[in-house]
Amino acid sequence: MKRTIITLTVVIAALVLAIVLGSPKAQTFNSSAAIAAPAPAPMAVPMPNRCPNIHEAIRALESAERDLHEARHDFCGRRAEAMRTVHEAIEQLRGAEGCDKCR
């Protein structure tokens, strides 16, 4: 059962990562303007109002990441790659969660 949950979580993470990476890229900007502009103050990512599924997915992936980290076996050699992929998916979702459309 635990193996099924982890496998499902990794598959979901891979799909989310593919969706996020497939989205249009940000426009390029003039690097001199970026240097002249003051750096914005770091902000905590607010709880999403319009995207509760993204927030829930982050929590599920964090739980899966803990399970992978604390496991006593390597999931048939897939543990390290799964941990990397889950971590990347969490970071991508945190970025999506901070999007103006999710606030």
Protein backbone atom coordinates (compact mmCIF):
# COMPACT_ATOMS: atom_id res chain seq x y z
CA MET A 1 0.00 0.00 0.00
CA LYS A 2 2.78 2.41 0.95
CA ARG A 3 4.62 1.57 -2.28
CA THR A 4 1.46 2.33 -4.27
CA ILE A 5 1.02 5.69 -2.55
CA ILE A 6 4.63 6.64 -3.16
CA THR A 7 4.46 5.53 -6.79
CA LEU A 8 1.24 7.49 -7.30
CA THR A 9 2.77 10.55 -5.65
CA VAL A 10 5.84 10.38 -7.85
CA VAL A 11 3.68 10.04 -10.97
CA ILE A 12 1.58 13.03 -9.91
CA ALA A 13 4.75 15.01 -9.19
CA ALA A 14 6.10 14.17 -12.63
CA LEU A 15 2.85 15.28 -14.28
CA VAL A 16 2.76 18.53 -12.33
CA LEU A 17 6.40 19.16 -13.21
CA ALA A 18 5.69 18.51 -16.89
CA ILE A 19 2.74 20.92 -16.82
CA VAL A 20 4.71 23.63 -15.04
CA LEU A 21 7.76 23.27 -17.28
CA GLY A 22 5.54 23.26 -20.37
CA SER A 23 4.05 26.64 -19.52
CA PRO A 24 5.24 29.73 -21.44
CA LYS A 25 8.54 31.18 -20.31
CA ALA A 26 8.89 34.64 -18.81
CA GLN A 27 9.95 37.44 -21.13
CA THR A 28 13.59 38.45 -21.16
CA PHE A 29 14.56 41.73 -19.55
CA ASN A 30 17.38 44.22 -19.68
CA SER A 31 20.01 43.16 -17.13
CA SER A 32 21.10 46.77 -16.49
CA ALA A 33 17.56 47.63 -15.42
CA ALA A 34 17.57 44.66 -13.08
CA ILE A 35 20.81 45.81 -11.48
CA ALA A 36 19.52 49.37 -11.01
CA ALA A 37 16.22 48.29 -9.49
CA PRO A 38 16.17 47.62 -5.74
CA ALA A 39 15.64 44.02 -4.72
CA PRO A 40 12.16 43.32 -3.41
CA ALA A 41 11.86 42.27 0.22
CA PRO A 42 11.40 38.52 0.62
CA MET A 43 7.79 37.57 1.26
CA ALA A 44 6.33 34.45 2.75
CA VAL A 45 4.14 32.54 0.32
CA PRO A 46 0.55 33.20 1.43
CA MET A 47 -2.02 30.48 1.82
CA PRO A 48 -3.73 30.11 -1.54
CA ASN A 49 -7.30 31.34 -1.78
CA ARG A 50 -8.09 30.22 -5.31
CA CYS A 51 -5.78 27.21 -5.69
CA PRO A 52 -6.40 24.88 -2.74
CA ASN A 53 -5.41 21.81 -4.75
CA ILE A 54 -1.90 23.18 -5.27
CA HIS A 55 -1.52 23.73 -1.53
CA GLU A 56 -2.82 20.22 -0.84
CA ALA A 57 -0.45 18.74 -3.44
CA ILE A 58 2.51 20.45 -1.76
CA ARG A 59 1.58 18.95 1.60
CA ALA A 60 1.15 15.48 0.04
CA LEU A 61 4.50 15.72 -1.74
CA GLU A 62 6.22 16.89 1.45
CA SER A 63 4.81 13.84 3.21
CA ALA A 64 6.03 11.58 0.41
CA GLU A 65 9.44 13.25 0.55
CA ARG A 66 9.66 12.48 4.29
CA ASP A 67 8.63 8.86 3.64
CA LEU A 68 11.31 8.49 0.99
CA HIS A 69 13.93 10.09 3.22
CA GLU A 70 13.08 7.93 6.25
CA ALA A 71 12.66 4.65 4.34
CA ARG A 72 15.02 1.79 5.15
CA HIS A 73 15.17 0.58 1.55
CA ASP A 74 15.86 2.17 -1.82
CA PHE A 75 12.61 1.34 -3.65
CA CYS A 76 14.33 -0.91 -6.20
CA GLY A 77 16.97 1.71 -6.95
CA ARG A 78 14.48 4.53 -7.53
CA ARG A 79 14.70 6.32 -4.18
CA ALA A 80 17.29 8.99 -5.06
CA GLU A 81 15.61 9.94 -8.35
CA ALA A 82 12.19 9.96 -6.69
CA MET A 83 13.46 12.22 -3.90
CA ARG A 84 14.97 14.63 -6.44
CA THR A 85 11.83 14.68 -8.57
CA VAL A 86 9.51 15.15 -5.59
CA HIS A 87 11.68 18.01 -4.28
CA GLU A 88 11.65 19.72 -7.71
CA ALA A 89 7.87 19.32 -7.92
CA ILE A 90 7.46 20.90 -4.48
CA GLU A 91 9.59 23.87 -5.50
CA GLN A 92 7.65 24.32 -8.76
CA LEU A 93 4.33 24.16 -6.92
CA ARG A 94 5.50 26.70 -4.35
CA GLY A 95 6.30 29.02 -7.23
CA ALA A 96 2.89 28.40 -8.76
CA GLU A 97 1.25 28.95 -5.36
CA GLY A 98 2.87 32.39 -5.21
CA CYS A 99 1.39 33.37 -8.59
CA ASP A 100 -0.94 36.37 -8.56
CA LYS A 101 -3.76 34.25 -9.97
CA CYS A 102 -3.67 31.94 -6.93
CA ARG A 103 -3.89 34.72 -4.35
